[in-house]
Amino acid sequence: MAASSNWADVYQCPFCGGDLPSPGRGFVDHIDQNPDCDEEFEAWRDTITDDVPHGWPG
């Protein structure tokens, strides 16, 4: 994985560097179709959970 702590390009997956058709729905579709990226995303969400007041809505 090419994980980065700085998501510099919203049209590129921050976990694998793959191209995204859009930064919103395109990202969601990408992680749904790529188990490694989904795992990295869930790990990221677990890491920031306490930083987001009232939890993460997404």
PDB file of N, CA and C in Angstrom:
ATOM      1  N   MET A   1       0.827  -1.190   0.000  1.00  0.00           N
ATOM      2  CA  MET A   1       0.000   0.000   0.000  1.00  0.00           C
ATOM      3  C   MET A   1       0.869   1.250   0.000  1.00  0.00           C
ATOM      4  N   ALA A   2       0.417   2.237  -0.699  1.00  0.00           N
ATOM      5  CA  ALA A   2       1.138   3.510  -0.763  1.00  0.00           C
ATOM      6  C   ALA A   2       0.467   4.522   0.151  1.00  0.00           C
ATOM      7  N   ALA A   3       0.205   4.107   1.377  1.00  0.00           N
ATOM      8  CA  ALA A   3      -0.509   4.979   2.312  1.00  0.00           C
ATOM      9  C   ALA A   3       0.249   6.278   2.535  1.00  0.00           C
ATOM     10  N   SER A   4      -0.523   7.335   2.698  1.00  0.00           N
ATOM     11  CA  SER A   4       0.067   8.653   2.902  1.00  0.00           C
ATOM     12  C   SER A   4      -0.674   9.357   4.022  1.00  0.00           C
ATOM     13  N   SER A   5       0.043  10.123   4.812  1.00  0.00           N
ATOM     14  CA  SER A   5      -0.622  10.890   5.855  1.00  0.00           C
ATOM     15  C   SER A   5      -1.147  12.208   5.302  1.00  0.00           C
ATOM     16  N   ASN A   6      -0.889  12.478   4.021  1.00  0.00           N
ATOM     17  CA  ASN A   6      -1.315  13.712   3.390  1.00  0.00           C
ATOM     18  C   ASN A   6      -2.004  13.381   2.066  1.00  0.00           C
ATOM     19  N   TRP A   7      -3.313  13.492   2.047  1.00  0.00           N
ATOM     20  CA  TRP A   7      -4.074  13.188   0.837  1.00  0.00           C
ATOM     21  C   TRP A   7      -3.996  14.403  -0.069  1.00  0.00           C
ATOM     22  N   ALA A   8      -3.013  14.403  -0.960  1.00  0.00           N
ATOM     23  CA  ALA A   8      -2.699  15.572  -1.776  1.00  0.00           C
ATOM     24  C   ALA A   8      -3.587  15.711  -3.013  1.00  0.00           C
ATOM     25  N   ASP A   9      -4.109  14.609  -3.525  1.00  0.00           N
ATOM     26  CA  ASP A   9      -4.907  14.649  -4.752  1.00  0.00           C
ATOM     27  C   ASP A   9      -6.207  13.894  -4.510  1.00  0.00           C
ATOM     28  N   VAL A  10      -7.325  14.591  -4.460  1.00  0.00           N
ATOM     29  CA  VAL A  10      -8.604  13.961  -4.142  1.00  0.00           C
ATOM     30  C   VAL A  10      -9.096  13.014  -5.241  1.00  0.00           C
ATOM     31  N   TYR A  11      -8.424  13.019  -6.376  1.00  0.00           N
ATOM     32  CA  TYR A  11      -8.774  12.096  -7.454  1.00  0.00           C
ATOM     33  C   TYR A  11      -7.848  10.886  -7.479  1.00  0.00           C
ATOM     34  N   GLN A  12      -7.141  10.676  -6.370  1.00  0.00           N
ATOM     35  CA  GLN A  12      -6.247   9.542  -6.221  1.00  0.00           C
ATOM     36  C   GLN A  12      -6.470   8.929  -4.846  1.00  0.00           C
ATOM     37  N   CYS A  13      -6.589   7.600  -4.775  1.00  0.00           N
ATOM     38  CA  CYS A  13      -6.790   6.926  -3.501  1.00  0.00           C
ATOM     39  C   CYS A  13      -5.564   7.162  -2.613  1.00  0.00           C
ATOM     40  N   PRO A  14      -5.775   7.612  -1.379  1.00  0.00           N
ATOM     41  CA  PRO A  14      -4.635   7.870  -0.497  1.00  0.00           C
ATOM     42  C   PRO A  14      -3.975   6.583  -0.010  1.00  0.00           C
ATOM     43  N   PHE A  15      -4.624   5.450  -0.214  1.00  0.00           N
ATOM     44  CA  PHE A  15      -4.104   4.184   0.285  1.00  0.00           C
ATOM     45  C   PHE A  15      -3.328   3.397  -0.765  1.00  0.00           C
ATOM     46  N   CYS A  16      -3.772   3.446  -2.017  1.00  0.00           N
ATOM     47  CA  CYS A  16      -3.076   2.673  -3.057  1.00  0.00           C
ATOM     48  C   CYS A  16      -2.563   3.548  -4.196  1.00  0.00           C
ATOM     49  N   GLY A  17      -3.008   4.804  -4.243  1.00  0.00           N
ATOM     50  CA  GLY A  17      -2.585   5.693  -5.311  1.00  0.00           C
ATOM     51  C   GLY A  17      -3.390   5.540  -6.590  1.00  0.00           C
ATOM     52  N   GLY A  18      -4.424   4.667  -6.563  1.00  0.00           N
ATOM     53  CA  GLY A  18      -5.251   4.451  -7.747  1.00  0.00           C
ATOM     54  C   GLY A  18      -6.088   5.660  -8.103  1.00  0.00           C
ATOM     55  N   ASP A  19      -6.443   5.774  -9.374  1.00  0.00           N
ATOM     56  CA  ASP A  19      -7.267   6.883  -9.857  1.00  0.00           C
ATOM     57  C   ASP A  19      -8.706   6.730  -9.385  1.00  0.00           C
ATOM     58  N   LEU A  20      -9.314   7.853  -9.012  1.00  0.00           N
ATOM     59  CA  LEU A  20     -10.711   7.888  -8.598  1.00  0.00           C
ATOM     60  C   LEU A  20     -11.490   8.752  -9.584  1.00  0.00           C
ATOM     61  N   PRO A  21     -12.685   8.315 -10.002  1.00  0.00           N
ATOM     62  CA  PRO A  21     -13.482   9.135 -10.908  1.00  0.00           C
ATOM     63  C   PRO A  21     -14.023  10.388 -10.235  1.00  0.00           C
ATOM     64  N   SER A  22     -14.155  10.337  -8.915  1.00  0.00           N
ATOM     65  CA  SER A  22     -14.597  11.504  -8.139  1.00  0.00           C
ATOM     66  C   SER A  22     -14.124  11.307  -6.702  1.00  0.00           C
ATOM     67  N   PRO A  23     -13.952  12.400  -5.963  1.00  0.00           N
ATOM     68  CA  PRO A  23     -13.474  12.275  -4.592  1.00  0.00           C
ATOM     69  C   PRO A  23     -14.555  11.811  -3.604  1.00  0.00           C
ATOM     70  N   GLY A  24     -15.796  11.857  -3.990  1.00  0.00           N
ATOM     71  CA  GLY A  24     -16.886  11.444  -3.100  1.00  0.00           C
ATOM     72  C   GLY A  24     -17.312  10.017  -3.369  1.00  0.00           C
ATOM     73  N   ARG A  25     -18.345   9.881  -4.184  1.00  0.00           N
ATOM     74  CA  ARG A  25     -18.888   8.556  -4.512  1.00  0.00           C
ATOM     75  C   ARG A  25     -17.828   7.665  -5.156  1.00  0.00           C
ATOM     76  N   GLY A  26     -16.950   8.247  -5.938  1.00  0.00           N
ATOM     77  CA  GLY A  26     -15.885   7.465  -6.577  1.00  0.00           C
ATOM     78  C   GLY A  26     -14.967   6.823  -5.553  1.00  0.00           C
ATOM     79  N   PHE A  27     -14.685   7.546  -4.464  1.00  0.00           N
ATOM     80  CA  PHE A  27     -13.855   6.981  -3.400  1.00  0.00           C
ATOM     81  C   PHE A  27     -14.586   5.847  -2.698  1.00  0.00           C
ATOM     82  N   VAL A  28     -15.874   6.060  -2.390  1.00  0.00           N
ATOM     83  CA  VAL A  28     -16.669   5.028  -1.723  1.00  0.00           C
ATOM     84  C   VAL A  28     -16.737   3.770  -2.590  1.00  0.00           C
ATOM     85  N   ASP A  29     -16.992   3.934  -3.875  1.00  0.00           N
ATOM     86  CA  ASP A  29     -17.030   2.787  -4.791  1.00  0.00           C
ATOM     87  C   ASP A  29     -15.674   2.088  -4.828  1.00  0.00           C
ATOM     88  N   HIS A  30     -14.604   2.867  -4.837  1.00  0.00           N
ATOM     89  CA  HIS A  30     -13.252   2.308  -4.887  1.00  0.00           C
ATOM     90  C   HIS A  30     -12.969   1.432  -3.673  1.00  0.00           C
ATOM     91  N   ILE A  31     -13.281   1.928  -2.473  1.00  0.00           N
ATOM     92  CA  ILE A  31     -12.989   1.114  -1.291  1.00  0.00           C
ATOM     93  C   ILE A  31     -13.929  -0.094  -1.208  1.00  0.00           C
ATOM     94  N   ASP A  32     -15.137   0.032  -1.749  1.00  0.00           N
ATOM     95  CA  ASP A  32     -16.047  -1.123  -1.791  1.00  0.00           C
ATOM     96  C   ASP A  32     -15.500  -2.222  -2.706  1.00  0.00           C
ATOM     97  N   GLN A  33     -14.771  -1.842  -3.740  1.00  0.00           N
ATOM     98  CA  GLN A  33     -14.257  -2.793  -4.723  1.00  0.00           C
ATOM     99  C   GLN A  33     -12.826  -3.243  -4.446  1.00  0.00           C
ATOM    100  N   ASN A  34     -12.166  -2.640  -3.469  1.00  0.00           N
ATOM    101  CA  ASN A  34     -10.770  -2.945  -3.172  1.00  0.00           C
ATOM    102  C   ASN A  34     -10.611  -3.242  -1.684  1.00  0.00           C
ATOM    103  N   PRO A  35     -10.617  -4.521  -1.317  1.00  0.00           N
ATOM    104  CA  PRO A  35     -10.565  -4.899   0.092  1.00  0.00           C
ATOM    105  C   PRO A  35      -9.357  -4.331   0.849  1.00  0.00           C
ATOM    106  N   ASP A  36      -8.209  -4.236   0.212  1.00  0.00           N
ATOM    107  CA  ASP A  36      -7.030  -3.681   0.894  1.00  0.00           C
ATOM    108  C   ASP A  36      -7.241  -2.216   1.249  1.00  0.00           C
ATOM    109  N   CYS A  37      -7.810  -1.447   0.333  1.00  0.00           N
ATOM    110  CA  CYS A  37      -8.072  -0.034   0.588  1.00  0.00           C
ATOM    111  C   CYS A  37      -9.169   0.115   1.643  1.00  0.00           C
ATOM    112  N   ASP A  38     -10.177  -0.741   1.596  1.00  0.00           N
ATOM    113  CA  ASP A  38     -11.241  -0.707   2.580  1.00  0.00           C
ATOM    114  C   ASP A  38     -10.668  -0.970   3.973  1.00  0.00           C
ATOM    115  N   GLU A  39      -9.774  -1.929   4.074  1.00  0.00           N
ATOM    116  CA  GLU A  39      -9.136  -2.240   5.362  1.00  0.00           C
ATOM    117  C   GLU A  39      -8.325  -1.050   5.876  1.00  0.00           C
ATOM    118  N   GLU A  40      -7.581  -0.408   4.982  1.00  0.00           N
ATOM    119  CA  GLU A  40      -6.800   0.772   5.361  1.00  0.00           C
ATOM    120  C   GLU A  40      -7.712   1.935   5.774  1.00  0.00           C
ATOM    121  N   PHE A  41      -8.823   2.102   5.059  1.00  0.00           N
ATOM    122  CA  PHE A  41      -9.776   3.160   5.379  1.00  0.00           C
ATOM    123  C   PHE A  41     -10.387   2.931   6.761  1.00  0.00           C
ATOM    124  N   GLU A  42     -10.776   1.683   7.046  1.00  0.00           N
ATOM    125  CA  GLU A  42     -11.353   1.372   8.351  1.00  0.00           C
ATOM    126  C   GLU A  42     -10.332   1.600   9.464  1.00  0.00           C
ATOM    127  N   ALA A  43      -9.087   1.257   9.235  1.00  0.00           N
ATOM    128  CA  ALA A  43      -8.025   1.497  10.221  1.00  0.00           C
ATOM    129  C   ALA A  43      -7.863   2.998  10.450  1.00  0.00           C
ATOM    130  N   TRP A  44      -7.928   3.781   9.374  1.00  0.00           N
ATOM    131  CA  TRP A  44      -7.833   5.239   9.480  1.00  0.00           C
ATOM    132  C   TRP A  44      -9.001   5.787  10.298  1.00  0.00           C
ATOM    133  N   ARG A  45     -10.208   5.299   9.990  1.00  0.00           N
ATOM    134  CA  ARG A  45     -11.397   5.759  10.730  1.00  0.00           C
ATOM    135  C   ARG A  45     -11.276   5.430  12.208  1.00  0.00           C
ATOM    136  N   ASP A  46     -10.787   4.233  12.535  1.00  0.00           N
ATOM    137  CA  ASP A  46     -10.593   3.855  13.933  1.00  0.00           C
ATOM    138  C   ASP A  46      -9.607   4.793  14.619  1.00  0.00           C
ATOM    139  N   THR A  47      -8.600   5.222  13.889  1.00  0.00           N
ATOM    140  CA  THR A  47      -7.577   6.106  14.447  1.00  0.00           C
ATOM    141  C   THR A  47      -8.129   7.487  14.768  1.00  0.00           C
ATOM    142  N   ILE A  48      -9.026   8.002  13.937  1.00  0.00           N
ATOM    143  CA  ILE A  48      -9.522   9.366  14.135  1.00  0.00           C
ATOM    144  C   ILE A  48     -10.846   9.441  14.884  1.00  0.00           C
ATOM    145  N   THR A  49     -11.429   8.312  15.234  1.00  0.00           N
ATOM    146  CA  THR A  49     -12.748   8.306  15.856  1.00  0.00           C
ATOM    147  C   THR A  49     -12.844   9.258  17.038  1.00  0.00           C
ATOM    148  N   ASP A  50     -11.847   9.256  17.901  1.00  0.00           N
ATOM    149  CA  ASP A  50     -11.888  10.117  19.078  1.00  0.00           C
ATOM    150  C   ASP A  50     -11.646  11.584  18.742  1.00  0.00           C
ATOM    151  N   ASP A  51     -11.161  11.876  17.537  1.00  0.00           N
ATOM    152  CA  ASP A  51     -10.894  13.251  17.131  1.00  0.00           C
ATOM    153  C   ASP A  51     -12.121  13.951  16.552  1.00  0.00           C
ATOM    154  N   VAL A  52     -13.140  13.179  16.198  1.00  0.00           N
ATOM    155  CA  VAL A  52     -14.333  13.719  15.561  1.00  0.00           C
ATOM    156  C   VAL A  52     -15.468  13.758  16.584  1.00  0.00           C
ATOM    157  N   PRO A  53     -15.902  14.958  16.974  1.00  0.00           N
ATOM    158  CA  PRO A  53     -16.985  15.057  17.947  1.00  0.00           C
ATOM    159  C   PRO A  53     -18.241  14.316  17.486  1.00  0.00           C
ATOM    160  N   HIS A  54     -18.834  13.580  18.361  1.00  0.00           N
ATOM    161  CA  HIS A  54     -20.089  12.844  18.097  1.00  0.00           C
ATOM    162  C   HIS A  54     -19.920  11.735  17.071  1.00  0.00           C
ATOM    163  N   GLY A  55     -18.703  11.271  16.841  1.00  0.00           N
ATOM    164  CA  GLY A  55     -18.481  10.150  15.938  1.00  0.00           C
ATOM    165  C   GLY A  55     -18.381  10.540  14.491  1.00  0.00           C
ATOM    166  N   TRP A  56     -18.091   9.567  13.669  1.00  0.00           N
ATOM    167  CA  TRP A  56     -17.919   9.751  12.230  1.00  0.00           C
ATOM    168  C   TRP A  56     -19.194   9.339  11.519  1.00  0.00           C
ATOM    169  N   PRO A  57     -19.829  10.235  10.776  1.00  0.00           N
ATOM    170  CA  PRO A  57     -21.108   9.913  10.170  1.00  0.00           C
ATOM    171  C   PRO A  57     -21.017   9.003   8.954  1.00  0.00           C
ATOM    172  N   GLY A  58     -19.847   8.916   8.314  1.00  0.00           N
ATOM    173  CA  GLY A  58     -19.731   8.183   7.053  1.00  0.00           C
ATOM    174  C   GLY A  58     -19.524   6.733   7.146  1.00  0.00           C
TER     175      GLY A  58
END
